[in-house]
Each structure stands twice: as structure tokens, then as C-alpha cells.
Full PDB file with SEQRES, HELIX, SHEET, SSBOND, CRYST1, ORIGX, SCALE, CONECT and MASTER records, all heavy atoms in Angstrom:
SEQRES   1 A   42  GLN VAL GLU GLY ARG ASP GLY THR ILE HIS LYS TYR ASN          
SEQRES   2 A   42  ILE PRO TYR GLY ALA ARG MET MET VAL LYS PRO GLY THR          
SEQRES   3 A   42  LYS VAL LYS GLU GLY ASP ARG LEU THR SER ARG SER THR          
SEQRES   4 A   42  PRO ILE PHE                                                  
SHEET    1 AA1 2 VAL A   2  GLU A   3  0                                        
SHEET    2 AA1 2 ILE A   9  HIS A  10 -1                                        
CRYST1    1.000    1.000    1.000  90.00  90.00  90.00 P 1           1          
ORIGX1      1.000000  0.000000  0.000000        0.00000                         
ORIGX2      0.000000  1.000000  0.000000        0.00000                         
ORIGX3      0.000000  0.000000  1.000000        0.00000                         
SCALE1      1.000000  0.000000  0.000000        0.00000                         
SCALE2      0.000000  1.000000  0.000000        0.00000                         
SCALE3      0.000000  0.000000  1.000000        0.00000                         
ATOM      1  N   GLN A   1      64.443  -3.797 -10.178  1.00  0.00           N  
ATOM      2  CA  GLN A   1      63.012  -4.092 -10.066  1.00  0.00           C  
ATOM      3  C   GLN A   1      62.228  -2.793  -9.884  1.00  0.00           C  
ATOM      4  O   GLN A   1      62.767  -1.761  -9.487  1.00  0.00           O  
ATOM      5  CB  GLN A   1      62.736  -5.022  -8.886  1.00  0.00           C  
ATOM      6  CG  GLN A   1      63.011  -4.399  -7.532  1.00  0.00           C  
ATOM      7  CD  GLN A   1      62.773  -5.363  -6.392  1.00  0.00           C  
ATOM      8  OE1 GLN A   1      62.762  -6.556  -6.603  1.00  0.00           O  
ATOM      9  NE2 GLN A   1      62.577  -4.830  -5.204  1.00  0.00           N  
ATOM     10  N   VAL A   2      60.922  -2.884 -10.202  1.00  0.00           N  
ATOM     11  CA  VAL A   2      59.974  -1.791  -9.997  1.00  0.00           C  
ATOM     12  C   VAL A   2      58.843  -2.320  -9.121  1.00  0.00           C  
ATOM     13  O   VAL A   2      58.189  -3.309  -9.480  1.00  0.00           O  
ATOM     14  CB  VAL A   2      59.421  -1.262 -11.338  1.00  0.00           C  
ATOM     15  CG1 VAL A   2      58.355  -0.181 -11.081  1.00  0.00           C  
ATOM     16  CG2 VAL A   2      60.540  -0.717 -12.211  1.00  0.00           C  
ATOM     17  N   GLU A   3      58.655  -1.671  -7.950  1.00  0.00           N  
ATOM     18  CA  GLU A   3      57.621  -2.091  -7.008  1.00  0.00           C  
ATOM     19  C   GLU A   3      56.422  -1.162  -7.146  1.00  0.00           C  
ATOM     20  O   GLU A   3      56.521   0.064  -6.997  1.00  0.00           O  
ATOM     21  CB  GLU A   3      58.156  -2.048  -5.577  1.00  0.00           C  
ATOM     22  CG  GLU A   3      57.156  -2.558  -4.557  1.00  0.00           C  
ATOM     23  CD  GLU A   3      57.730  -2.593  -3.159  1.00  0.00           C  
ATOM     24  OE1 GLU A   3      58.951  -2.296  -3.028  1.00  0.00           O  
ATOM     25  OE2 GLU A   3      56.991  -2.899  -2.213  1.00  0.00           O  
ATOM     26  N   GLY A   4      55.242  -1.742  -7.463  1.00  0.00           N  
ATOM     27  CA  GLY A   4      54.022  -0.965  -7.649  1.00  0.00           C  
ATOM     28  C   GLY A   4      53.382  -0.555  -6.336  1.00  0.00           C  
ATOM     29  O   GLY A   4      53.809  -0.955  -5.246  1.00  0.00           O  
ATOM     30  N   ARG A   5      52.331   0.234  -6.430  1.00  0.00           N  
ATOM     31  CA  ARG A   5      51.653   0.726  -5.236  1.00  0.00           C  
ATOM     32  C   ARG A   5      50.965  -0.397  -4.463  1.00  0.00           C  
ATOM     33  O   ARG A   5      50.833  -0.340  -3.237  1.00  0.00           O  
ATOM     34  CB  ARG A   5      50.627   1.786  -5.642  1.00  0.00           C  
ATOM     35  CG  ARG A   5      51.238   3.016  -6.313  1.00  0.00           C  
ATOM     36  CD  ARG A   5      50.165   3.959  -6.807  1.00  0.00           C  
ATOM     37  NE  ARG A   5      50.754   5.113  -7.509  1.00  0.00           N  
ATOM     38  CZ  ARG A   5      50.020   6.040  -8.107  1.00  0.00           C  
ATOM     39  NH1 ARG A   5      48.676   5.949  -8.122  1.00  0.00           N  
ATOM     40  NH2 ARG A   5      50.628   7.052  -8.715  1.00  0.00           N  
ATOM     41  N   ASP A   6      50.497  -1.409  -5.175  1.00  0.00           N  
ATOM     42  CA  ASP A   6      49.822  -2.536  -4.515  1.00  0.00           C  
ATOM     43  C   ASP A   6      50.795  -3.627  -4.073  1.00  0.00           C  
ATOM     44  O   ASP A   6      50.370  -4.704  -3.670  1.00  0.00           O  
ATOM     45  CB  ASP A   6      48.783  -3.133  -5.464  1.00  0.00           C  
ATOM     46  CG  ASP A   6      49.392  -3.569  -6.790  1.00  0.00           C  
ATOM     47  OD1 ASP A   6      50.584  -3.263  -7.015  1.00  0.00           O  
ATOM     48  OD2 ASP A   6      48.688  -4.219  -7.586  1.00  0.00           O  
ATOM     49  N   GLY A   7      52.088  -3.358  -4.130  1.00  0.00           N  
ATOM     50  CA  GLY A   7      53.093  -4.341  -3.704  1.00  0.00           C  
ATOM     51  C   GLY A   7      53.579  -5.259  -4.797  1.00  0.00           C  
ATOM     52  O   GLY A   7      54.435  -6.117  -4.560  1.00  0.00           O  
ATOM     53  N   THR A   8      53.048  -5.113  -6.008  1.00  0.00           N  
ATOM     54  CA  THR A   8      53.501  -5.954  -7.122  1.00  0.00           C  
ATOM     55  C   THR A   8      54.929  -5.579  -7.514  1.00  0.00           C  
ATOM     56  O   THR A   8      55.283  -4.405  -7.592  1.00  0.00           O  
ATOM     57  CB  THR A   8      52.569  -5.764  -8.331  1.00  0.00           C  
ATOM     58  OG1 THR A   8      51.226  -6.022  -7.927  1.00  0.00           O  
ATOM     59  CG2 THR A   8      52.945  -6.722  -9.455  1.00  0.00           C  
ATOM     60  N   ILE A   9      55.756  -6.602  -7.744  1.00  0.00           N  
ATOM     61  CA  ILE A   9      57.170  -6.386  -8.088  1.00  0.00           C  
ATOM     62  C   ILE A   9      57.431  -6.964  -9.471  1.00  0.00           C  
ATOM     63  O   ILE A   9      57.108  -8.136  -9.730  1.00  0.00           O  
ATOM     64  CB  ILE A   9      58.099  -7.027  -7.041  1.00  0.00           C  
ATOM     65  CG1 ILE A   9      57.911  -6.355  -5.681  1.00  0.00           C  
ATOM     66  CG2 ILE A   9      59.547  -6.939  -7.494  1.00  0.00           C  
ATOM     67  CD1 ILE A   9      58.746  -6.981  -4.580  1.00  0.00           C  
ATOM     68  N   HIS A  10      58.009  -6.166 -10.341  1.00  0.00           N  
ATOM     69  CA  HIS A  10      58.450  -6.608 -11.662  1.00  0.00           C  
ATOM     70  C   HIS A  10      59.968  -6.472 -11.733  1.00  0.00           C  
ATOM     71  O   HIS A  10      60.514  -5.392 -11.486  1.00  0.00           O  
ATOM     72  CB  HIS A  10      57.786  -5.763 -12.757  1.00  0.00           C  
ATOM     73  CG  HIS A  10      56.339  -6.083 -12.956  1.00  0.00           C  
ATOM     74  ND1 HIS A  10      55.657  -5.777 -14.113  1.00  0.00           N  
ATOM     75  CD2 HIS A  10      55.429  -6.692 -12.152  1.00  0.00           C  
ATOM     76  CE1 HIS A  10      54.398  -6.171 -14.020  1.00  0.00           C  
ATOM     77  NE2 HIS A  10      54.238  -6.715 -12.816  1.00  0.00           N  
ATOM     78  N   LYS A  11      60.645  -7.595 -12.052  1.00  0.00           N  
ATOM     79  CA  LYS A  11      62.110  -7.593 -12.145  1.00  0.00           C  
ATOM     80  C   LYS A  11      62.531  -7.507 -13.603  1.00  0.00           C  
ATOM     81  O   LYS A  11      61.876  -8.049 -14.494  1.00  0.00           O  
ATOM     82  CB  LYS A  11      62.704  -8.847 -11.491  1.00  0.00           C  
ATOM     83  CG  LYS A  11      62.566  -8.878  -9.984  1.00  0.00           C  
ATOM     84  CD  LYS A  11      63.311 -10.062  -9.393  1.00  0.00           C  
ATOM     85  CE  LYS A  11      63.241 -10.057  -7.873  1.00  0.00           C  
ATOM     86  NZ  LYS A  11      63.980 -11.188  -7.267  1.00  0.00           N  
ATOM     87  N   TYR A  12      63.667  -6.821 -13.842  1.00  0.00           N  
ATOM     88  CA  TYR A  12      64.191  -6.631 -15.186  1.00  0.00           C  
ATOM     89  C   TYR A  12      65.697  -6.918 -15.179  1.00  0.00           C  
ATOM     90  O   TYR A  12      66.396  -6.616 -14.209  1.00  0.00           O  
ATOM     91  CB  TYR A  12      63.957  -5.206 -15.692  1.00  0.00           C  
ATOM     92  CG  TYR A  12      62.511  -4.752 -15.635  1.00  0.00           C  
ATOM     93  CD1 TYR A  12      62.008  -4.149 -14.480  1.00  0.00           C  
ATOM     94  CD2 TYR A  12      61.671  -4.905 -16.724  1.00  0.00           C  
ATOM     95  CE1 TYR A  12      60.691  -3.710 -14.420  1.00  0.00           C  
ATOM     96  CE2 TYR A  12      60.348  -4.477 -16.675  1.00  0.00           C  
ATOM     97  CZ  TYR A  12      59.867  -3.890 -15.515  1.00  0.00           C  
ATOM     98  OH  TYR A  12      58.570  -3.469 -15.466  1.00  0.00           O  
ATOM     99  N   ASN A  13      66.181  -7.471 -16.275  1.00  0.00           N  
ATOM    100  CA  ASN A  13      67.616  -7.663 -16.489  1.00  0.00           C  
ATOM    101  C   ASN A  13      68.109  -6.598 -17.466  1.00  0.00           C  
ATOM    102  O   ASN A  13      67.515  -6.406 -18.539  1.00  0.00           O  
ATOM    103  CB  ASN A  13      67.926  -9.049 -17.054  1.00  0.00           C  
ATOM    104  CG  ASN A  13      67.639 -10.145 -16.065  1.00  0.00           C  
ATOM    105  OD1 ASN A  13      67.886  -9.980 -14.873  1.00  0.00           O  
ATOM    106  ND2 ASN A  13      67.103 -11.264 -16.540  1.00  0.00           N  
ATOM    107  N   ILE A  14      69.178  -5.898 -17.086  1.00  0.00           N  
ATOM    108  CA  ILE A  14      69.735  -4.874 -17.961  1.00  0.00           C  
ATOM    109  C   ILE A  14      70.377  -5.564 -19.162  1.00  0.00           C  
ATOM    110  O   ILE A  14      71.277  -6.398 -19.002  1.00  0.00           O  
ATOM    111  CB  ILE A  14      70.775  -4.022 -17.219  1.00  0.00           C  
ATOM    112  CG1 ILE A  14      70.142  -3.383 -15.967  1.00  0.00           C  
ATOM    113  CG2 ILE A  14      71.347  -2.955 -18.133  1.00  0.00           C  
ATOM    114  CD1 ILE A  14      71.122  -2.602 -15.118  1.00  0.00           C  
ATOM    115  N   PRO A  15      69.957  -5.296 -20.387  1.00  0.00           N  
ATOM    116  CA  PRO A  15      70.523  -5.962 -21.558  1.00  0.00           C  
ATOM    117  C   PRO A  15      72.004  -5.652 -21.713  1.00  0.00           C  
ATOM    118  O   PRO A  15      72.520  -4.654 -21.203  1.00  0.00           O  
ATOM    119  CB  PRO A  15      69.702  -5.404 -22.727  1.00  0.00           C  
ATOM    120  CG  PRO A  15      68.467  -4.831 -22.102  1.00  0.00           C  
ATOM    121  CD  PRO A  15      68.870  -4.363 -20.746  1.00  0.00           C  
ATOM    122  N   TYR A  16      72.684  -6.524 -22.472  1.00  0.00           N  
ATOM    123  CA  TYR A  16      74.106  -6.342 -22.733  1.00  0.00           C  
ATOM    124  C   TYR A  16      74.322  -5.045 -23.516  1.00  0.00           C  
ATOM    125  O   TYR A  16      73.648  -4.781 -24.511  1.00  0.00           O  
ATOM    126  CB  TYR A  16      74.662  -7.523 -23.524  1.00  0.00           C  
ATOM    127  CG  TYR A  16      76.109  -7.361 -23.910  1.00  0.00           C  
ATOM    128  CD1 TYR A  16      77.123  -7.663 -23.005  1.00  0.00           C  
ATOM    129  CD2 TYR A  16      76.466  -6.882 -25.164  1.00  0.00           C  
ATOM    130  CE1 TYR A  16      78.450  -7.510 -23.348  1.00  0.00           C  
ATOM    131  CE2 TYR A  16      77.788  -6.728 -25.519  1.00  0.00           C  
ATOM    132  CZ  TYR A  16      78.778  -7.033 -24.592  1.00  0.00           C  
ATOM    133  OH  TYR A  16      80.080  -6.876 -24.941  1.00  0.00           O  
ATOM    134  N   GLY A  17      75.252  -4.211 -23.048  1.00  0.00           N  
ATOM    135  CA  GLY A  17      75.575  -2.970 -23.737  1.00  0.00           C  
ATOM    136  C   GLY A  17      74.679  -1.805 -23.388  1.00  0.00           C  
ATOM    137  O   GLY A  17      74.914  -0.689 -23.852  1.00  0.00           O  
ATOM    138  N   ALA A  18      73.628  -2.039 -22.567  1.00  0.00           N  
ATOM    139  CA  ALA A  18      72.725  -0.954 -22.177  1.00  0.00           C  
ATOM    140  C   ALA A  18      73.140  -0.397 -20.822  1.00  0.00           C  
ATOM    141  O   ALA A  18      73.868  -1.040 -20.065  1.00  0.00           O  
ATOM    142  CB  ALA A  18      71.288  -1.455 -22.125  1.00  0.00           C  
ATOM    143  N   ARG A  19      72.652   0.821 -20.487  1.00  0.00           N  
ATOM    144  CA  ARG A  19      72.938   1.437 -19.203  1.00  0.00           C  
ATOM    145  C   ARG A  19      71.650   1.976 -18.608  1.00  0.00           C  
ATOM    146  O   ARG A  19      70.685   2.283 -19.322  1.00  0.00           O  
ATOM    147  CB  ARG A  19      73.962   2.571 -19.350  1.00  0.00           C  
ATOM    148  CG  ARG A  19      73.553   3.657 -20.313  1.00  0.00           C  
ATOM    149  CD  ARG A  19      74.640   4.703 -20.480  1.00  0.00           C  
ATOM    150  NE  ARG A  19      74.267   5.728 -21.454  1.00  0.00           N  
ATOM    151  CZ  ARG A  19      73.501   6.772 -21.186  1.00  0.00           C  
ATOM    152  NH1 ARG A  19      73.012   6.946 -19.951  1.00  0.00           N  
ATOM    153  NH2 ARG A  19      73.206   7.652 -22.115  1.00  0.00           N  
ATOM    154  N   MET A  20      71.626   2.104 -17.268  1.00  0.00           N  
ATOM    155  CA  MET A  20      70.440   2.611 -16.584  1.00  0.00           C  
ATOM    156  C   MET A  20      70.280   4.106 -16.848  1.00  0.00           C  
ATOM    157  O   MET A  20      71.241   4.867 -16.805  1.00  0.00           O  
ATOM    158  CB  MET A  20      70.568   2.358 -15.076  1.00  0.00           C  
ATOM    159  CG  MET A  20      70.462   0.884 -14.677  1.00  0.00           C  
ATOM    160  SD  MET A  20      68.819   0.215 -14.942  1.00  0.00           S  
ATOM    161  CE  MET A  20      67.848   1.288 -13.892  1.00  0.00           C  
ATOM    162  N   MET A  21      69.010   4.507 -17.132  1.00  0.00           N  
ATOM    163  CA  MET A  21      68.709   5.921 -17.355  1.00  0.00           C  
ATOM    164  C   MET A  21      67.899   6.517 -16.200  1.00  0.00           C  
ATOM    165  O   MET A  21      67.613   7.711 -16.203  1.00  0.00           O  
ATOM    166  CB  MET A  21      67.932   6.104 -18.672  1.00  0.00           C  
ATOM    167  CG  MET A  21      68.713   5.621 -19.896  1.00  0.00           C  
ATOM    168  SD  MET A  21      67.816   5.948 -21.433  1.00  0.00           S  
ATOM    169  CE  MET A  21      67.778   7.735 -21.428  1.00  0.00           C  
ATOM    170  N   VAL A  22      67.540   5.696 -15.214  1.00  0.00           N  
ATOM    171  CA  VAL A  22      66.774   6.134 -14.049  1.00  0.00           C  
ATOM    172  C   VAL A  22      67.525   5.714 -12.805  1.00  0.00           C  
ATOM    173  O   VAL A  22      67.970   4.571 -12.704  1.00  0.00           O  
ATOM    174  CB  VAL A  22      65.351   5.532 -14.054  1.00  0.00           C  
ATOM    175  CG1 VAL A  22      64.566   6.023 -12.841  1.00  0.00           C  
ATOM    176  CG2 VAL A  22      64.618   5.882 -15.340  1.00  0.00           C  
ATOM    177  N   LYS A  23      67.688   6.600 -11.857  1.00  0.00           N  
ATOM    178  CA  LYS A  23      68.408   6.303 -10.634  1.00  0.00           C  
ATOM    179  C   LYS A  23      67.518   5.518  -9.676  1.00  0.00           C  
ATOM    180  O   LYS A  23      66.286   5.703  -9.677  1.00  0.00           O  
ATOM    181  CB  LYS A  23      68.876   7.590  -9.949  1.00  0.00           C  
ATOM    182  CG  LYS A  23      69.899   8.375 -10.759  1.00  0.00           C  
ATOM    183  CD  LYS A  23      70.356   9.602  -9.999  1.00  0.00           C  
ATOM    184  CE  LYS A  23      71.399  10.376 -10.786  1.00  0.00           C  
ATOM    185  NZ  LYS A  23      71.862  11.586 -10.047  1.00  0.00           N  
ATOM    186  N   PRO A  24      68.127   4.641  -8.833  1.00  0.00           N  
ATOM    187  CA  PRO A  24      67.342   3.898  -7.841  1.00  0.00           C  
ATOM    188  C   PRO A  24      66.620   4.855  -6.894  1.00  0.00           C  
ATOM    189  O   PRO A  24      67.159   5.880  -6.467  1.00  0.00           O  
ATOM    190  CB  PRO A  24      68.401   3.069  -7.118  1.00  0.00           C  
ATOM    191  CG  PRO A  24      69.521   2.931  -8.082  1.00  0.00           C  
ATOM    192  CD  PRO A  24      69.533   4.209  -8.859  1.00  0.00           C  
ATOM    193  N   GLY A  25      65.362   4.516  -6.571  1.00  0.00           N  
ATOM    194  CA  GLY A  25      64.549   5.346  -5.695  1.00  0.00           C  
ATOM    195  C   GLY A  25      63.641   6.303  -6.434  1.00  0.00           C  
ATOM    196  O   GLY A  25      62.803   6.983  -5.811  1.00  0.00           O  
ATOM    197  N   THR A  26      63.789   6.399  -7.766  1.00  0.00           N  
ATOM    198  CA  THR A  26      62.967   7.311  -8.560  1.00  0.00           C  
ATOM    199  C   THR A  26      61.605   6.680  -8.839  1.00  0.00           C  
ATOM    200  O   THR A  26      61.507   5.487  -9.123  1.00  0.00           O  
ATOM    201  CB  THR A  26      63.676   7.632  -9.889  1.00  0.00           C  
ATOM    202  OG1 THR A  26      64.974   8.151  -9.613  1.00  0.00           O  
ATOM    203  CG2 THR A  26      62.878   8.638 -10.693  1.00  0.00           C  
ATOM    204  N   LYS A  27      60.552   7.494  -8.779  1.00  0.00           N  
ATOM    205  CA  LYS A  27      59.210   7.037  -9.132  1.00  0.00           C  
ATOM    206  C   LYS A  27      59.067   7.053 -10.645  1.00  0.00           C  
ATOM    207  O   LYS A  27      59.407   8.038 -11.311  1.00  0.00           O  
ATOM    208  CB  LYS A  27      58.143   7.919  -8.488  1.00  0.00           C  
ATOM    209  CG  LYS A  27      58.083   7.823  -6.966  1.00  0.00           C  
ATOM    210  CD  LYS A  27      56.963   8.678  -6.408  1.00  0.00           C  
ATOM    211  CE  LYS A  27      56.893   8.572  -4.888  1.00  0.00           C  
ATOM    212  NZ  LYS A  27      55.779   9.384  -4.324  1.00  0.00           N  
ATOM    213  N   VAL A  28      58.544   5.982 -11.195  1.00  0.00           N  
ATOM    214  CA  VAL A  28      58.370   5.867 -12.643  1.00  0.00           C  
ATOM    215  C   VAL A  28      56.909   5.545 -12.936  1.00  0.00           C  
ATOM    216  O   VAL A  28      56.169   5.052 -12.077  1.00  0.00           O  
ATOM    217  CB  VAL A  28      59.283   4.773 -13.228  1.00  0.00           C  
ATOM    218  CG1 VAL A  28      60.733   5.121 -13.054  1.00  0.00           C  
ATOM    219  CG2 VAL A  28      58.978   3.422 -12.591  1.00  0.00           C  
ATOM    220  N   LYS A  29      56.498   5.846 -14.161  1.00  0.00           N  
ATOM    221  CA  LYS A  29      55.155   5.542 -14.619  1.00  0.00           C  
ATOM    222  C   LYS A  29      55.216   4.473 -15.697  1.00  0.00           C  
ATOM    223  O   LYS A  29      56.251   4.241 -16.306  1.00  0.00           O  
ATOM    224  CB  LYS A  29      54.480   6.801 -15.155  1.00  0.00           C  
ATOM    225  CG  LYS A  29      54.260   7.893 -14.128  1.00  0.00           C  
ATOM    226  CD  LYS A  29      53.568   9.089 -14.743  1.00  0.00           C  
ATOM    227  CE  LYS A  29      53.350  10.191 -13.713  1.00  0.00           C  
ATOM    228  NZ  LYS A  29      52.653  11.363 -14.305  1.00  0.00           N  
ATOM    229  N   GLU A  30      54.071   3.865 -15.917  1.00  0.00           N  
ATOM    230  CA  GLU A  30      54.002   2.842 -16.950  1.00  0.00           C  
ATOM    231  C   GLU A  30      54.349   3.444 -18.305  1.00  0.00           C  
ATOM    232  O   GLU A  30      53.800   4.486 -18.708  1.00  0.00           O  
ATOM    233  CB  GLU A  30      52.597   2.235 -16.987  1.00  0.00           C  
ATOM    234  CG  GLU A  30      52.458   1.106 -17.990  1.00  0.00           C  
ATOM    235  CD  GLU A  30      51.065   0.516 -17.987  1.00  0.00           C  
ATOM    236  OE1 GLU A  30      50.222   0.954 -17.159  1.00  0.00           O  
ATOM    237  OE2 GLU A  30      50.814  -0.390 -18.814  1.00  0.00           O  
ATOM    238  N   GLY A  31      55.290   2.821 -18.992  1.00  0.00           N  
ATOM    239  CA  GLY A  31      55.737   3.290 -20.290  1.00  0.00           C  
ATOM    240  C   GLY A  31      56.984   4.140 -20.245  1.00  0.00           C  
ATOM    241  O   GLY A  31      57.530   4.482 -21.305  1.00  0.00           O  
ATOM    242  N   ASP A  32      57.462   4.513 -19.038  1.00  0.00           N  
ATOM    243  CA  ASP A  32      58.691   5.305 -18.940  1.00  0.00           C  
ATOM    244  C   ASP A  32      59.885   4.479 -19.404  1.00  0.00           C  
ATOM    245  O   ASP A  32      59.997   3.273 -19.120  1.00  0.00           O  
ATOM    246  CB  ASP A  32      58.914   5.772 -17.503  1.00  0.00           C  
ATOM    247  CG  ASP A  32      57.981   6.908 -17.126  1.00  0.00           C  
ATOM    248  OD1 ASP A  32      57.278   7.410 -18.016  1.00  0.00           O  
ATOM    249  OD2 ASP A  32      57.961   7.281 -15.925  1.00  0.00           O  
ATOM    250  N   ARG A  33      60.823   5.135 -20.051  1.00  0.00           N  
ATOM    251  CA  ARG A  33      62.032   4.470 -20.533  1.00  0.00           C  
ATOM    252  C   ARG A  33      63.010   4.302 -19.371  1.00  0.00           C  
ATOM    253  O   ARG A  33      63.327   5.274 -18.673  1.00  0.00           O  
ATOM    254  CB  ARG A  33      62.658   5.298 -21.646  1.00  0.00           C  
ATOM    255  CG  ARG A  33      63.786   4.598 -22.377  1.00  0.00           C  
ATOM    256  CD  ARG A  33      64.245   5.465 -23.543  1.00  0.00           C  
ATOM    257  NE  ARG A  33      65.347   4.834 -24.254  1.00  0.00           N  
ATOM    258  CZ  ARG A  33      65.976   5.392 -25.286  1.00  0.00           C  
ATOM    259  NH1 ARG A  33      65.583   6.582 -25.723  1.00  0.00           N  
ATOM    260  NH2 ARG A  33      66.969   4.758 -25.879  1.00  0.00           N  
ATOM    261  N   LEU A  34      63.487   3.071 -19.156  1.00  0.00           N  
ATOM    262  CA  LEU A  34      64.352   2.770 -18.010  1.00  0.00           C  
ATOM    263  C   LEU A  34      65.818   2.607 -18.408  1.00  0.00           C  
ATOM    264  O   LEU A  34      66.708   2.944 -17.640  1.00  0.00           O  
ATOM    265  CB  LEU A  34      63.870   1.494 -17.314  1.00  0.00           C  
ATOM    266  CG  LEU A  34      62.409   1.489 -16.843  1.00  0.00           C  
ATOM    267  CD1 LEU A  34      62.077   0.162 -16.198  1.00  0.00           C  
ATOM    268  CD2 LEU A  34      62.149   2.645 -15.881  1.00  0.00           C  
ATOM    269  N   THR A  35      66.110   2.045 -19.567  1.00  0.00           N  
ATOM    270  CA  THR A  35      67.495   1.814 -20.007  1.00  0.00           C  
ATOM    271  C   THR A  35      67.687   2.342 -21.404  1.00  0.00           C  
ATOM    272  O   THR A  35      66.732   2.588 -22.149  1.00  0.00           O  
ATOM    273  CB  THR A  35      67.838   0.304 -19.990  1.00  0.00           C  
ATOM    274  OG1 THR A  35      67.054  -0.359 -20.989  1.00  0.00           O  
ATOM    275  CG2 THR A  35      67.556  -0.311 -18.637  1.00  0.00           C  
ATOM    276  N   SER A  36      68.951   2.520 -21.773  1.00  0.00           N  
ATOM    277  CA  SER A  36      69.292   2.912 -23.130  1.00  0.00           C  
ATOM    278  C   SER A  36      69.231   1.691 -24.044  1.00  0.00           C  
ATOM    279  O   SER A  36      69.017   0.557 -23.595  1.00  0.00           O  
ATOM    280  CB  SER A  36      70.685   3.533 -23.163  1.00  0.00           C  
ATOM    281  OG  SER A  36      71.648   2.558 -22.776  1.00  0.00           O  
ATOM    282  N   ARG A  37      69.451   1.920 -25.322  1.00  0.00           N  
ATOM    283  CA  ARG A  37      69.431   0.806 -26.268  1.00  0.00           C  
ATOM    284  C   ARG A  37      70.633  -0.118 -26.027  1.00  0.00           C  
ATOM    285  O   ARG A  37      71.711   0.332 -25.692  1.00  0.00           O  
ATOM    286  CB  ARG A  37      69.473   1.330 -27.714  1.00  0.00           C  
ATOM    287  CG  ARG A  37      68.193   2.039 -28.128  1.00  0.00           C  
ATOM    288  CD  ARG A  37      68.278   2.439 -29.587  1.00  0.00           C  
ATOM    289  NE  ARG A  37      67.045   3.067 -30.018  1.00  0.00           N  
ATOM    290  CZ  ARG A  37      65.986   2.397 -30.483  1.00  0.00           C  
ATOM    291  NH1 ARG A  37      66.034   1.082 -30.564  1.00  0.00           N  
ATOM    292  NH2 ARG A  37      64.899   3.041 -30.863  1.00  0.00           N  
ATOM    293  N   SER A  38      70.393  -1.390 -26.213  1.00  0.00           N  
ATOM    294  CA  SER A  38      71.472  -2.367 -26.005  1.00  0.00           C  
ATOM    295  C   SER A  38      72.285  -2.537 -27.276  1.00  0.00           C  
ATOM    296  O   SER A  38      71.823  -2.257 -28.374  1.00  0.00           O  
ATOM    297  CB  SER A  38      70.884  -3.714 -25.582  1.00  0.00           C  
ATOM    298  OG  SER A  38      70.045  -4.231 -26.595  1.00  0.00           O  
ATOM    299  N   THR A  39      73.523  -3.021 -27.065  1.00  0.00           N  
ATOM    300  CA  THR A  39      74.417  -3.296 -28.196  1.00  0.00           C  
ATOM    301  C   THR A  39      74.289  -4.769 -28.571  1.00  0.00           C  
ATOM    302  O   THR A  39      74.484  -5.650 -27.729  1.00  0.00           O  
ATOM    303  CB  THR A  39      75.875  -2.990 -27.812  1.00  0.00           C  
ATOM    304  OG1 THR A  39      75.960  -1.630 -27.399  1.00  0.00           O  
ATOM    305  CG2 THR A  39      76.810  -3.237 -28.990  1.00  0.00           C  
ATOM    306  N   PRO A  40      73.946  -5.090 -29.809  1.00  0.00           N  
ATOM    307  CA  PRO A  40      73.789  -6.504 -30.185  1.00  0.00           C  
ATOM    308  C   PRO A  40      75.128  -7.233 -30.174  1.00  0.00           C  
ATOM    309  O   PRO A  40      76.183  -6.634 -30.366  1.00  0.00           O  
ATOM    310  CB  PRO A  40      73.199  -6.431 -31.603  1.00  0.00           C  
ATOM    311  CG  PRO A  40      73.641  -5.100 -32.125  1.00  0.00           C  
ATOM    312  CD  PRO A  40      73.689  -4.180 -30.946  1.00  0.00           C  
ATOM    313  N   ILE A  41      75.056  -8.552 -29.922  1.00  0.00           N  
ATOM    314  CA  ILE A  41      76.250  -9.406 -29.888  1.00  0.00           C  
ATOM    315  C   ILE A  41      76.299 -10.203 -31.182  1.00  0.00           C  
ATOM    316  O   ILE A  41      75.323 -10.847 -31.565  1.00  0.00           O  
ATOM    317  CB  ILE A  41      76.211 -10.364 -28.685  1.00  0.00           C  
ATOM    318  CG1 ILE A  41      76.081  -9.563 -27.386  1.00  0.00           C  
ATOM    319  CG2 ILE A  41      77.441 -11.247 -28.641  1.00  0.00           C  
ATOM    320  CD1 ILE A  41      75.935 -10.432 -26.164  1.00  0.00           C  
ATOM    321  N   PHE A  42      77.433 -10.150 -31.879  1.00  0.00           N  
ATOM    322  CA  PHE A  42      77.609 -10.894 -33.107  1.00  0.00           C  
ATOM    323  C   PHE A  42      78.633 -12.005 -32.857  1.00  0.00           C  
ATOM    324  O   PHE A  42      79.712 -11.761 -32.321  1.00  0.00           O  
ATOM    325  CB  PHE A  42      78.087  -9.975 -34.244  1.00  0.00           C  
ATOM    326  CG  PHE A  42      77.080  -8.921 -34.619  1.00  0.00           C  
ATOM    327  CD1 PHE A  42      77.187  -7.632 -34.105  1.00  0.00           C  
ATOM    328  CD2 PHE A  42      76.029  -9.222 -35.475  1.00  0.00           C  
ATOM    329  CE1 PHE A  42      76.253  -6.657 -34.447  1.00  0.00           C  
ATOM    330  CE2 PHE A  42      75.095  -8.251 -35.818  1.00  0.00           C  
ATOM    331  CZ  PHE A  42      75.207  -6.975 -35.300  1.00  0.00           C  
TER     332      PHE A  42                                                      
MASTER        0    0    0    0    2    0    0    6  331    1    0    4          
END                                                                             
């Protein structure tokens, strides 16, 4: 999840085959890339 300055919380599910590119506790801005590309399931 990403908690905003006003207390707003946005939750995200890591897609299948993707990995986190930002460590927990890091400050992020709107539009920052959080995960790598996911691997599609066939």
C-alpha cells in the first residue's frame, strides 16, 4: 500500500511474475514506477 500525506491509503496487488522495484518505507510520487512488468499466464 501507499499512504498519502492526508492519510489516504491505496492498496495494490503485485501482478503474477512481477517484482517490487521500491523498498518498503520509501517515499514515492504520483506516477513513480513501483513494480516490474508482469509475466502473462497462458
